[in-house]
């Protein structure tokens, strides 16, 4: 089922190329054979392509939901919206270093000590399989201030985020800071 979903909704170019090729072959056959009724048969793949396009416009895939979830979580972190962050993180979150209460505490610390201004998320790669997913992201954080020993106004990081679908909703269950590596106290992943 996931392969069909991928073909129809995430990469429908194969459907459109196939339908277009069939239309061209049927039209060519109708012209060569002088049978205008055969042109009516060309409407079937066109209708199928239109139906696939309409379905693709209304169906939201897991990849899209996870992309939206990652952006929403990062926006909540940047805004200091603790309630939203709390909702996106699973109660059993464990990254090998922190559990959920510590993550929420670190959020307050980062906002207070560093003055987190914004976080821009890019290069989102989603690998979903059933009710589990690994999302790799690149995040650029900007700070208003910096502890005196660091003098850092922005940081480029890469993360791996593990998500699980629970009761129809995606929640973050673990994370790992990939770059910069070797940061003390960085989440280590599951």
N, C-alpha and C. Protein backbone atom coordinates (compact mmCIF):
# COMPACT_ATOMS: atom_id res chain seq x y z
N UNK A 1 0.82 -1.20 0.00
CA UNK A 1 0.00 0.00 0.00
C UNK A 1 0.87 1.26 0.00
N UNK A 2 2.00 1.22 0.74
CA UNK A 2 2.87 2.39 0.79
C UNK A 2 3.45 2.69 -0.59
N UNK A 3 3.76 1.64 -1.39
CA UNK A 3 4.30 1.86 -2.71
C UNK A 3 3.27 2.55 -3.60
N UNK A 4 2.01 2.12 -3.50
CA UNK A 4 0.94 2.74 -4.28
C UNK A 4 0.76 4.19 -3.86
N UNK A 5 0.79 4.45 -2.57
CA UNK A 5 0.67 5.82 -2.06
C UNK A 5 1.82 6.68 -2.59
N UNK A 6 3.03 6.13 -2.59
CA UNK A 6 4.18 6.88 -3.10
C UNK A 6 4.01 7.20 -4.58
N UNK A 7 3.59 6.21 -5.36
CA UNK A 7 3.43 6.42 -6.80
C UNK A 7 2.33 7.44 -7.09
N UNK A 8 1.18 7.29 -6.43
CA UNK A 8 0.05 8.15 -6.74
C UNK A 8 0.17 9.56 -6.17
N UNK A 9 0.71 9.68 -4.95
CA UNK A 9 0.60 10.96 -4.26
C UNK A 9 1.93 11.69 -4.04
N UNK A 10 3.02 10.97 -3.95
CA UNK A 10 4.29 11.63 -3.67
C UNK A 10 5.13 11.81 -4.92
N UNK A 11 4.99 10.91 -5.88
CA UNK A 11 5.74 11.02 -7.13
C UNK A 11 4.86 10.56 -8.29
N UNK A 12 3.83 11.35 -8.61
CA UNK A 12 2.85 10.91 -9.61
C UNK A 12 3.32 11.05 -11.05
N UNK A 13 4.54 11.46 -11.28
CA UNK A 13 5.02 11.67 -12.65
C UNK A 13 4.90 10.39 -13.47
N UNK A 14 5.12 9.23 -12.86
CA UNK A 14 5.01 7.96 -13.59
C UNK A 14 3.58 7.74 -14.07
N UNK A 15 2.60 8.10 -13.25
CA UNK A 15 1.19 7.95 -13.65
C UNK A 15 0.89 8.86 -14.84
N UNK A 16 1.35 10.10 -14.75
CA UNK A 16 1.07 11.06 -15.82
C UNK A 16 1.77 10.67 -17.13
N UNK A 17 3.00 10.20 -17.05
CA UNK A 17 3.73 9.79 -18.25
C UNK A 17 3.05 8.58 -18.88
N UNK A 18 2.65 7.61 -18.07
CA UNK A 18 1.98 6.42 -18.58
C UNK A 18 0.66 6.78 -19.25
N UNK A 19 -0.15 7.61 -18.57
CA UNK A 19 -1.44 8.01 -19.14
C UNK A 19 -1.24 8.81 -20.42
N UNK A 20 -0.27 9.70 -20.44
CA UNK A 20 0.01 10.49 -21.63
C UNK A 20 0.45 9.61 -22.80
N UNK A 21 1.27 8.62 -22.50
CA UNK A 21 1.73 7.70 -23.55
C UNK A 21 0.56 6.91 -24.13
N UNK A 22 -0.33 6.46 -23.29
CA UNK A 22 -1.50 5.70 -23.76
C UNK A 22 -2.38 6.58 -24.64
N UNK A 23 -2.58 7.82 -24.21
CA UNK A 23 -3.39 8.74 -25.01
C UNK A 23 -2.78 8.94 -26.39
N UNK A 24 -1.48 9.16 -26.44
CA UNK A 24 -0.81 9.36 -27.73
C UNK A 24 -0.92 8.12 -28.61
N UNK A 25 -0.74 6.93 -28.04
CA UNK A 25 -0.84 5.70 -28.83
C UNK A 25 -2.26 5.50 -29.36
N UNK A 26 -3.26 5.73 -28.51
CA UNK A 26 -4.65 5.55 -28.95
C UNK A 26 -5.00 6.58 -30.02
N UNK A 27 -4.58 7.83 -29.84
CA UNK A 27 -4.86 8.87 -30.83
C UNK A 27 -4.18 8.54 -32.15
N UNK A 28 -2.93 8.08 -32.10
CA UNK A 28 -2.21 7.71 -33.33
C UNK A 28 -2.92 6.56 -34.03
N UNK A 29 -3.36 5.57 -33.26
CA UNK A 29 -4.08 4.43 -33.85
C UNK A 29 -5.38 4.88 -34.48
N UNK A 30 -6.10 5.79 -33.85
CA UNK A 30 -7.37 6.28 -34.39
C UNK A 30 -7.15 7.02 -35.70
N UNK A 31 -6.08 7.81 -35.76
CA UNK A 31 -5.79 8.56 -36.99
C UNK A 31 -5.37 7.62 -38.11
N UNK A 32 -4.50 6.67 -37.81
CA UNK A 32 -4.02 5.73 -38.83
C UNK A 32 -5.15 4.83 -39.32
N UNK A 33 -5.98 4.35 -38.41
CA UNK A 33 -7.05 3.43 -38.78
C UNK A 33 -8.33 4.14 -39.22
N UNK A 34 -8.36 5.45 -39.19
CA UNK A 34 -9.54 6.25 -39.57
C UNK A 34 -10.76 5.85 -38.76
N UNK A 35 -10.58 5.69 -37.47
CA UNK A 35 -11.70 5.33 -36.58
C UNK A 35 -11.83 6.38 -35.48
N UNK A 36 -12.69 7.34 -35.66
CA UNK A 36 -12.83 8.40 -34.68
C UNK A 36 -13.36 7.91 -33.33
N UNK A 37 -14.08 6.78 -33.33
CA UNK A 37 -14.59 6.27 -32.05
C UNK A 37 -13.46 5.87 -31.10
N UNK A 38 -12.34 5.48 -31.68
CA UNK A 38 -11.20 5.07 -30.87
C UNK A 38 -10.68 6.26 -30.06
N UNK A 39 -10.87 7.48 -30.57
CA UNK A 39 -10.44 8.67 -29.83
C UNK A 39 -11.16 8.78 -28.49
N UNK A 40 -12.39 8.26 -28.44
CA UNK A 40 -13.14 8.28 -27.18
C UNK A 40 -12.40 7.45 -26.14
N UNK A 41 -11.76 6.38 -26.57
CA UNK A 41 -11.00 5.54 -25.64
C UNK A 41 -9.83 6.31 -25.03
N UNK A 42 -9.37 7.32 -25.71
CA UNK A 42 -8.27 8.14 -25.17
C UNK A 42 -8.71 8.92 -23.94
N UNK A 43 -10.00 9.10 -23.79
CA UNK A 43 -10.50 9.86 -22.64
C UNK A 43 -10.31 9.09 -21.32
N UNK A 44 -10.23 7.78 -21.38
CA UNK A 44 -10.10 6.97 -20.15
C UNK A 44 -8.80 7.28 -19.41
N UNK A 45 -7.63 7.21 -20.05
CA UNK A 45 -6.42 7.54 -19.30
C UNK A 45 -6.35 9.01 -18.90
N UNK A 46 -6.96 9.89 -19.70
CA UNK A 46 -7.00 11.30 -19.31
C UNK A 46 -7.81 11.45 -18.03
N UNK A 47 -8.97 10.78 -17.98
CA UNK A 47 -9.80 10.83 -16.78
C UNK A 47 -9.05 10.23 -15.58
N UNK A 48 -8.30 9.16 -15.81
CA UNK A 48 -7.52 8.56 -14.71
C UNK A 48 -6.45 9.52 -14.21
N UNK A 49 -5.78 10.21 -15.11
CA UNK A 49 -4.75 11.18 -14.71
C UNK A 49 -5.35 12.33 -13.94
N UNK A 50 -6.51 12.81 -14.40
CA UNK A 50 -7.19 13.91 -13.69
C UNK A 50 -7.62 13.44 -12.30
N UNK A 51 -8.16 12.23 -12.20
CA UNK A 51 -8.57 11.69 -10.90
C UNK A 51 -7.38 11.56 -9.96
N UNK A 52 -6.25 11.08 -10.47
CA UNK A 52 -5.04 10.96 -9.65
C UNK A 52 -4.57 12.33 -9.19
N UNK A 53 -4.65 13.32 -10.07
CA UNK A 53 -4.25 14.68 -9.69
C UNK A 53 -5.14 15.25 -8.62
N UNK A 54 -6.45 15.04 -8.73
CA UNK A 54 -7.39 15.54 -7.72
C UNK A 54 -7.13 14.85 -6.39
N UNK A 55 -6.95 13.53 -6.40
CA UNK A 55 -6.66 12.81 -5.16
C UNK A 55 -5.36 13.28 -4.53
N UNK A 56 -4.34 13.49 -5.35
CA UNK A 56 -3.06 13.95 -4.82
C UNK A 56 -3.20 15.31 -4.15
N UNK A 57 -4.11 16.13 -4.64
CA UNK A 57 -4.30 17.46 -4.06
C UNK A 57 -5.01 17.40 -2.71
N UNK A 58 -5.83 16.38 -2.49
CA UNK A 58 -6.60 16.33 -1.24
C UNK A 58 -6.04 15.36 -0.20
N UNK A 59 -5.16 14.45 -0.61
CA UNK A 59 -4.61 13.47 0.32
C UNK A 59 -3.31 14.00 0.91
N UNK A 60 -3.19 13.93 2.22
CA UNK A 60 -1.96 14.33 2.90
C UNK A 60 -1.20 13.06 3.27
N UNK A 61 0.04 12.96 2.84
CA UNK A 61 0.83 11.76 3.10
C UNK A 61 1.55 11.88 4.45
N UNK A 62 2.06 10.76 4.92
CA UNK A 62 2.83 10.76 6.16
C UNK A 62 4.04 11.67 6.05
N UNK A 63 4.69 11.68 4.89
CA UNK A 63 5.85 12.55 4.71
C UNK A 63 5.47 14.01 4.90
N UNK A 64 4.34 14.40 4.33
CA UNK A 64 3.88 15.79 4.47
C UNK A 64 3.52 16.09 5.92
N UNK A 65 2.84 15.15 6.58
CA UNK A 65 2.48 15.36 7.99
C UNK A 65 3.72 15.49 8.87
N UNK A 66 4.72 14.65 8.62
CA UNK A 66 5.95 14.71 9.41
C UNK A 66 6.73 15.99 9.14
N UNK A 67 6.76 16.41 7.90
CA UNK A 67 7.41 17.67 7.55
C UNK A 67 6.72 18.82 8.30
N UNK A 68 5.39 18.83 8.27
CA UNK A 68 4.64 19.86 8.99
C UNK A 68 4.87 19.76 10.50
N UNK A 69 4.93 18.54 11.03
CA UNK A 69 5.16 18.36 12.47
C UNK A 69 6.53 18.88 12.88
N UNK A 70 7.56 18.57 12.09
CA UNK A 70 8.91 19.05 12.40
C UNK A 70 8.95 20.57 12.38
N UNK A 71 8.33 21.19 11.37
CA UNK A 71 8.31 22.65 11.30
C UNK A 71 7.52 23.25 12.47
N UNK A 72 6.40 22.63 12.82
CA UNK A 72 5.59 23.14 13.94
C UNK A 72 6.35 23.03 15.27
N UNK A 73 7.05 21.92 15.47
CA UNK A 73 7.83 21.76 16.69
C UNK A 73 8.92 22.82 16.78
N UNK A 74 9.64 23.02 15.70
CA UNK A 74 10.72 24.01 15.69
C UNK A 74 10.17 25.42 15.88
N UNK A 75 9.03 25.71 15.26
CA UNK A 75 8.41 27.03 15.44
C UNK A 75 8.00 27.24 16.89
N UNK A 76 7.50 26.20 17.54
CA UNK A 76 7.11 26.30 18.95
C UNK A 76 8.35 26.50 19.83
N UNK A 77 9.44 25.81 19.50
CA UNK A 77 10.69 26.00 20.25
C UNK A 77 11.17 27.44 20.11
N UNK A 78 11.17 27.94 18.88
CA UNK A 78 11.65 29.31 18.63
C UNK A 78 10.78 30.34 19.32
N UNK A 79 9.47 30.08 19.39
CA UNK A 79 8.55 31.02 20.02
C UNK A 79 8.51 30.87 21.53
N UNK A 80 9.13 29.82 22.06
CA UNK A 80 9.08 29.58 23.50
C UNK A 80 7.72 29.09 23.95
N UNK A 81 6.97 28.49 23.04
CA UNK A 81 5.64 27.98 23.34
C UNK A 81 5.76 26.60 23.99
N UNK A 82 5.96 26.61 25.28
CA UNK A 82 6.22 25.38 26.03
C UNK A 82 5.06 24.38 25.91
N UNK A 83 3.83 24.87 25.90
CA UNK A 83 2.67 23.97 25.81
C UNK A 83 2.66 23.22 24.47
N UNK A 84 2.97 23.92 23.38
CA UNK A 84 3.02 23.24 22.08
C UNK A 84 4.17 22.25 22.01
N UNK A 85 5.34 22.66 22.51
CA UNK A 85 6.49 21.75 22.52
C UNK A 85 6.14 20.51 23.34
N UNK A 86 5.51 20.72 24.48
CA UNK A 86 5.09 19.61 25.34
C UNK A 86 4.16 18.66 24.59
N UNK A 87 3.26 19.20 23.76
CA UNK A 87 2.34 18.37 22.99
C UNK A 87 3.01 17.58 21.88
N UNK A 88 4.07 18.13 21.29
CA UNK A 88 4.76 17.44 20.19
C UNK A 88 5.71 16.36 20.70
N UNK A 89 6.19 16.48 21.92
CA UNK A 89 7.15 15.51 22.46
C UNK A 89 6.40 14.43 23.23
N UNK A 90 6.68 13.18 22.93
CA UNK A 90 6.03 12.06 23.60
C UNK A 90 6.43 12.01 25.08
N UNK A 91 5.52 11.52 25.91
CA UNK A 91 5.80 11.43 27.35
C UNK A 91 6.98 10.51 27.65
N UNK A 92 7.19 9.50 26.79
CA UNK A 92 8.30 8.56 27.01
C UNK A 92 9.55 8.95 26.21
N UNK A 93 9.66 10.22 25.82
CA UNK A 93 10.82 10.71 25.08
C UNK A 93 12.09 10.37 25.85
N UNK A 94 13.09 9.84 25.12
CA UNK A 94 14.39 9.53 25.72
C UNK A 94 15.43 9.56 24.62
N UNK A 95 16.38 10.47 24.72
CA UNK A 95 17.41 10.57 23.68
C UNK A 95 18.76 10.06 24.17
N UNK A 96 18.76 9.36 25.28
CA UNK A 96 20.01 8.83 25.80
C UNK A 96 20.68 9.77 26.78
N UNK A 97 20.30 11.04 26.76
CA UNK A 97 20.84 12.02 27.69
C UNK A 97 19.71 12.66 28.48
N UNK A 98 18.65 13.05 27.79
CA UNK A 98 17.53 13.76 28.41
C UNK A 98 16.23 13.00 28.25
N UNK A 99 15.34 13.21 29.20
CA UNK A 99 13.96 12.77 29.09
C UNK A 99 13.11 14.03 28.92
N UNK A 100 11.82 13.86 28.72
CA UNK A 100 10.95 14.98 28.38
C UNK A 100 11.04 16.16 29.36
N UNK A 101 10.95 15.96 30.67
CA UNK A 101 11.01 17.13 31.57
C UNK A 101 12.33 17.91 31.44
N UNK A 102 13.43 17.21 31.22
CA UNK A 102 14.72 17.88 31.07
C UNK A 102 14.78 18.66 29.76
N UNK A 103 14.16 18.12 28.70
CA UNK A 103 14.13 18.83 27.42
C UNK A 103 13.36 20.13 27.58
N UNK A 104 12.22 20.07 28.24
CA UNK A 104 11.43 21.28 28.46
C UNK A 104 12.19 22.28 29.32
N UNK A 105 12.95 21.79 30.30
CA UNK A 105 13.78 22.67 31.13
C UNK A 105 14.90 23.31 30.33
N UNK A 106 15.50 22.54 29.44
CA UNK A 106 16.57 23.09 28.59
C UNK A 106 16.03 24.17 27.64
N UNK A 107 14.79 23.99 27.20
CA UNK A 107 14.17 24.99 26.34
C UNK A 107 14.12 26.33 27.07
N UNK A 108 13.68 26.31 28.32
CA UNK A 108 13.63 27.54 29.11
C UNK A 108 15.03 28.13 29.29
N UNK A 109 16.01 27.26 29.52
CA UNK A 109 17.39 27.72 29.71
C UNK A 109 17.95 28.37 28.44
N UNK A 110 17.71 27.75 27.30
CA UNK A 110 18.21 28.30 26.03
C UNK A 110 17.59 29.66 25.77
N UNK A 111 16.33 29.80 26.05
CA UNK A 111 15.66 31.09 25.83
C UNK A 111 16.21 32.15 26.80
N UNK A 112 16.43 31.77 28.05
CA UNK A 112 16.89 32.72 29.06
C UNK A 112 18.36 33.09 28.87
N UNK A 113 19.23 32.12 28.71
CA UNK A 113 20.67 32.36 28.66
C UNK A 113 21.12 32.86 27.29
N UNK A 114 20.59 32.26 26.23
CA UNK A 114 21.06 32.57 24.88
C UNK A 114 20.16 33.56 24.15
N UNK A 115 18.94 33.74 24.60
CA UNK A 115 18.02 34.64 23.92
C UNK A 115 17.69 34.14 22.52
N UNK A 116 17.22 32.90 22.44
CA UNK A 116 16.89 32.30 21.14
C UNK A 116 15.90 33.19 20.40
N UNK A 117 16.29 33.67 19.22
CA UNK A 117 15.43 34.53 18.41
C UNK A 117 14.58 33.74 17.43
N UNK A 118 15.23 32.86 16.68
CA UNK A 118 14.52 32.12 15.64
C UNK A 118 15.29 30.85 15.30
N UNK A 119 14.56 29.91 14.73
CA UNK A 119 15.17 28.69 14.22
C UNK A 119 14.58 28.46 12.83
N UNK A 120 15.45 28.38 11.84
CA UNK A 120 15.03 28.10 10.47
C UNK A 120 15.36 26.66 10.15
N UNK A 121 14.36 25.95 9.68
CA UNK A 121 14.51 24.54 9.36
C UNK A 121 14.60 24.37 7.85
N UNK A 122 15.56 23.56 7.40
CA UNK A 122 15.68 23.28 5.97
C UNK A 122 16.21 21.87 5.79
N UNK A 123 16.30 21.45 4.54
CA UNK A 123 16.82 20.13 4.19
C UNK A 123 16.16 19.03 5.00
N UNK A 124 14.83 19.02 5.02
CA UNK A 124 14.07 18.01 5.76
C UNK A 124 13.96 16.76 4.90
N UNK A 125 14.46 15.64 5.45
CA UNK A 125 14.36 14.34 4.78
C UNK A 125 13.56 13.41 5.67
N UNK A 126 12.49 12.87 5.13
CA UNK A 126 11.58 12.03 5.91
C UNK A 126 11.64 10.60 5.42
N UNK A 127 11.89 9.67 6.33
CA UNK A 127 11.85 8.23 6.03
C UNK A 127 10.83 7.61 6.97
N UNK A 128 9.62 7.38 6.46
CA UNK A 128 8.54 6.84 7.27
C UNK A 128 8.29 5.39 6.90
N UNK A 129 8.01 4.58 7.90
CA UNK A 129 7.65 3.18 7.70
C UNK A 129 6.60 2.82 8.74
N UNK A 130 5.36 2.75 8.29
CA UNK A 130 4.27 2.43 9.21
C UNK A 130 4.07 3.54 10.22
N UNK A 131 4.18 3.20 11.50
CA UNK A 131 3.95 4.16 12.58
C UNK A 131 5.25 4.73 13.14
N UNK A 132 6.36 4.53 12.46
CA UNK A 132 7.66 5.06 12.90
C UNK A 132 8.29 5.84 11.77
N UNK A 133 9.09 6.82 12.14
CA UNK A 133 9.75 7.62 11.11
C UNK A 133 11.03 8.22 11.66
N UNK A 134 11.98 8.40 10.75
CA UNK A 134 13.22 9.11 11.05
C UNK A 134 13.25 10.33 10.16
N UNK A 135 13.36 11.49 10.78
CA UNK A 135 13.37 12.75 10.04
C UNK A 135 14.73 13.41 10.27
N UNK A 136 15.45 13.67 9.18
CA UNK A 136 16.74 14.35 9.27
C UNK A 136 16.52 15.80 8.87
N UNK A 137 17.04 16.72 9.68
CA UNK A 137 16.83 18.15 9.41
C UNK A 137 18.13 18.93 9.58
N UNK A 138 18.16 20.08 8.94
CA UNK A 138 19.22 21.07 9.14
C UNK A 138 18.52 22.27 9.77
N UNK A 139 19.05 22.73 10.89
CA UNK A 139 18.44 23.85 11.59
C UNK A 139 19.48 24.94 11.83
N UNK A 140 19.08 26.18 11.58
CA UNK A 140 19.93 27.33 11.87
C UNK A 140 19.25 28.13 12.97
N UNK A 141 19.92 28.21 14.11
CA UNK A 141 19.37 28.96 15.25
C UNK A 141 20.08 30.30 15.35
N UNK A 142 19.30 31.34 15.62
CA UNK A 142 19.87 32.68 15.81
C UNK A 142 19.58 33.12 17.25
N UNK A 143 20.59 33.77 17.85
CA UNK A 143 20.50 34.17 19.25
C UNK A 143 20.64 35.69 19.41
N UNK A 144 19.88 36.25 20.38
CA UNK A 144 19.99 37.68 20.70
C UNK A 144 21.27 37.97 21.47
N UNK A 145 21.60 37.04 22.34
CA UNK A 145 22.78 37.23 23.19
C UNK A 145 23.51 35.90 23.29
N UNK A 146 24.63 35.92 23.92
CA UNK A 146 25.43 34.71 24.04
C UNK A 146 26.18 34.78 25.37
N UNK A 147 26.30 33.65 26.06
CA UNK A 147 27.13 33.69 27.26
C UNK A 147 28.52 34.22 26.91
N UNK A 148 29.11 34.96 27.79
CA UNK A 148 30.35 35.69 27.49
C UNK A 148 31.48 34.81 26.96
N UNK A 149 31.54 33.56 27.35
CA UNK A 149 32.65 32.73 26.90
C UNK A 149 32.49 32.23 25.46
N UNK A 150 31.28 32.33 24.89
CA UNK A 150 31.04 31.76 23.56
C UNK A 150 31.03 32.78 22.43
N UNK A 151 30.34 33.88 22.60
CA UNK A 151 30.19 34.90 21.57
C UNK A 151 29.66 34.31 20.26
N UNK A 152 28.56 33.57 20.37
CA UNK A 152 27.93 32.92 19.22
C UNK A 152 26.58 33.59 18.98
N UNK A 153 26.33 34.02 17.75
CA UNK A 153 25.05 34.65 17.40
C UNK A 153 24.18 33.72 16.55
N UNK A 154 24.78 32.69 15.97
CA UNK A 154 23.99 31.72 15.21
C UNK A 154 24.71 30.38 15.24
N UNK A 155 23.94 29.33 15.02
CA UNK A 155 24.51 27.99 15.00
C UNK A 155 23.79 27.16 13.94
N UNK A 156 24.57 26.46 13.13
CA UNK A 156 24.02 25.55 12.12
C UNK A 156 24.15 24.14 12.68
N UNK A 157 23.04 23.45 12.73
CA UNK A 157 23.05 22.10 13.30
C UNK A 157 22.32 21.14 12.37
N UNK A 158 22.63 19.88 12.51
CA UNK A 158 21.91 18.80 11.81
C UNK A 158 21.43 17.83 12.88
N UNK A 159 20.18 17.43 12.73
CA UNK A 159 19.54 16.57 13.72
C UNK A 159 18.91 15.36 13.05
N UNK A 160 18.82 14.28 13.82
CA UNK A 160 17.98 13.14 13.46
C UNK A 160 16.87 13.10 14.50
N UNK A 161 15.64 13.06 14.02
CA UNK A 161 14.48 13.08 14.90
C UNK A 161 13.67 11.80 14.69
N UNK A 162 13.44 11.05 15.76
CA UNK A 162 12.65 9.83 15.68
C UNK A 162 11.23 10.16 16.11
N UNK A 163 10.26 9.81 15.25
CA UNK A 163 8.86 10.08 15.52
C UNK A 163 8.09 8.77 15.55
N UNK A 164 7.01 8.74 16.33
CA UNK A 164 6.09 7.61 16.36
C UNK A 164 4.67 8.14 16.26
N UNK A 165 3.85 7.40 15.49
CA UNK A 165 2.44 7.78 15.40
C UNK A 165 1.71 7.11 16.55
N UNK A 166 1.06 7.93 17.35
CA UNK A 166 0.32 7.43 18.50
C UNK A 166 -1.08 8.02 18.48
N UNK A 167 -2.06 7.14 18.45
CA UNK A 167 -3.46 7.57 18.40
C UNK A 167 -3.68 8.54 17.24
N UNK A 168 -3.06 8.23 16.09
CA UNK A 168 -3.24 9.03 14.89
C UNK A 168 -2.44 10.31 14.83
N UNK A 169 -1.58 10.55 15.80
CA UNK A 169 -0.81 11.80 15.86
C UNK A 169 0.68 11.48 15.97
N UNK A 170 1.51 12.20 15.21
CA UNK A 170 2.95 12.00 15.26
C UNK A 170 3.53 12.73 16.46
N UNK A 171 4.40 12.02 17.23
CA UNK A 171 5.07 12.61 18.37
C UNK A 171 6.55 12.26 18.34
N UNK A 172 7.37 13.20 18.79
CA UNK A 172 8.82 13.01 18.84
C UNK A 172 9.16 12.10 20.01
N UNK A 173 9.91 11.01 19.73
CA UNK A 173 10.26 10.06 20.78
C UNK A 173 11.74 10.09 21.13
N UNK A 174 12.57 10.62 20.21
CA UNK A 174 14.00 10.74 20.49
C UNK A 174 14.63 11.67 19.46
N UNK A 175 15.84 12.12 19.77
CA UNK A 175 16.56 12.97 18.82
C UNK A 175 18.06 12.77 19.03
N UNK A 176 18.80 13.16 18.01
CA UNK A 176 20.26 13.08 18.10
C UNK A 176 20.86 14.24 17.34
N UNK A 177 21.76 14.95 17.99
CA UNK A 177 22.49 16.02 17.34
C UNK A 177 23.61 15.39 16.53
N UNK A 178 23.57 15.56 15.20
CA UNK A 178 24.56 14.97 14.32
C UNK A 178 25.73 15.92 14.11
N UNK A 179 25.42 17.19 13.84
CA UNK A 179 26.45 18.23 13.67
C UNK A 179 26.01 19.46 14.44
N UNK A 180 26.86 20.18 15.07
CA UNK A 180 28.26 19.83 15.25
C UNK A 180 28.38 18.67 16.21
N UNK A 181 29.27 17.75 15.92
CA UNK A 181 29.46 16.58 16.77
C UNK A 181 30.34 16.94 17.97
N UNK A 182 30.25 16.13 18.99
CA UNK A 182 31.11 16.32 20.16
C UNK A 182 30.68 17.42 21.11
N UNK A 183 29.45 17.94 20.96
CA UNK A 183 28.96 18.96 21.88
C UNK A 183 28.61 18.31 23.21
N UNK A 184 29.16 18.85 24.32
CA UNK A 184 28.82 18.26 25.61
C UNK A 184 27.35 18.42 25.92
N UNK A 185 26.75 17.34 26.39
CA UNK A 185 25.33 17.38 26.77
C UNK A 185 24.38 17.31 25.59
N UNK A 186 24.87 17.00 24.39
CA UNK A 186 24.01 16.93 23.21
C UNK A 186 23.21 15.62 23.23
N UNK A 187 21.97 15.67 22.75
CA UNK A 187 21.19 14.44 22.66
C UNK A 187 21.91 13.39 21.83
N UNK A 188 21.87 12.14 22.31
CA UNK A 188 22.65 11.08 21.69
C UNK A 188 21.81 10.13 20.84
N UNK A 189 20.48 10.24 20.88
CA UNK A 189 19.62 9.36 20.10
C UNK A 189 19.28 8.10 20.86
N UNK A 190 18.40 7.28 20.26
CA UNK A 190 17.94 6.07 20.96
C UNK A 190 19.03 5.01 21.07
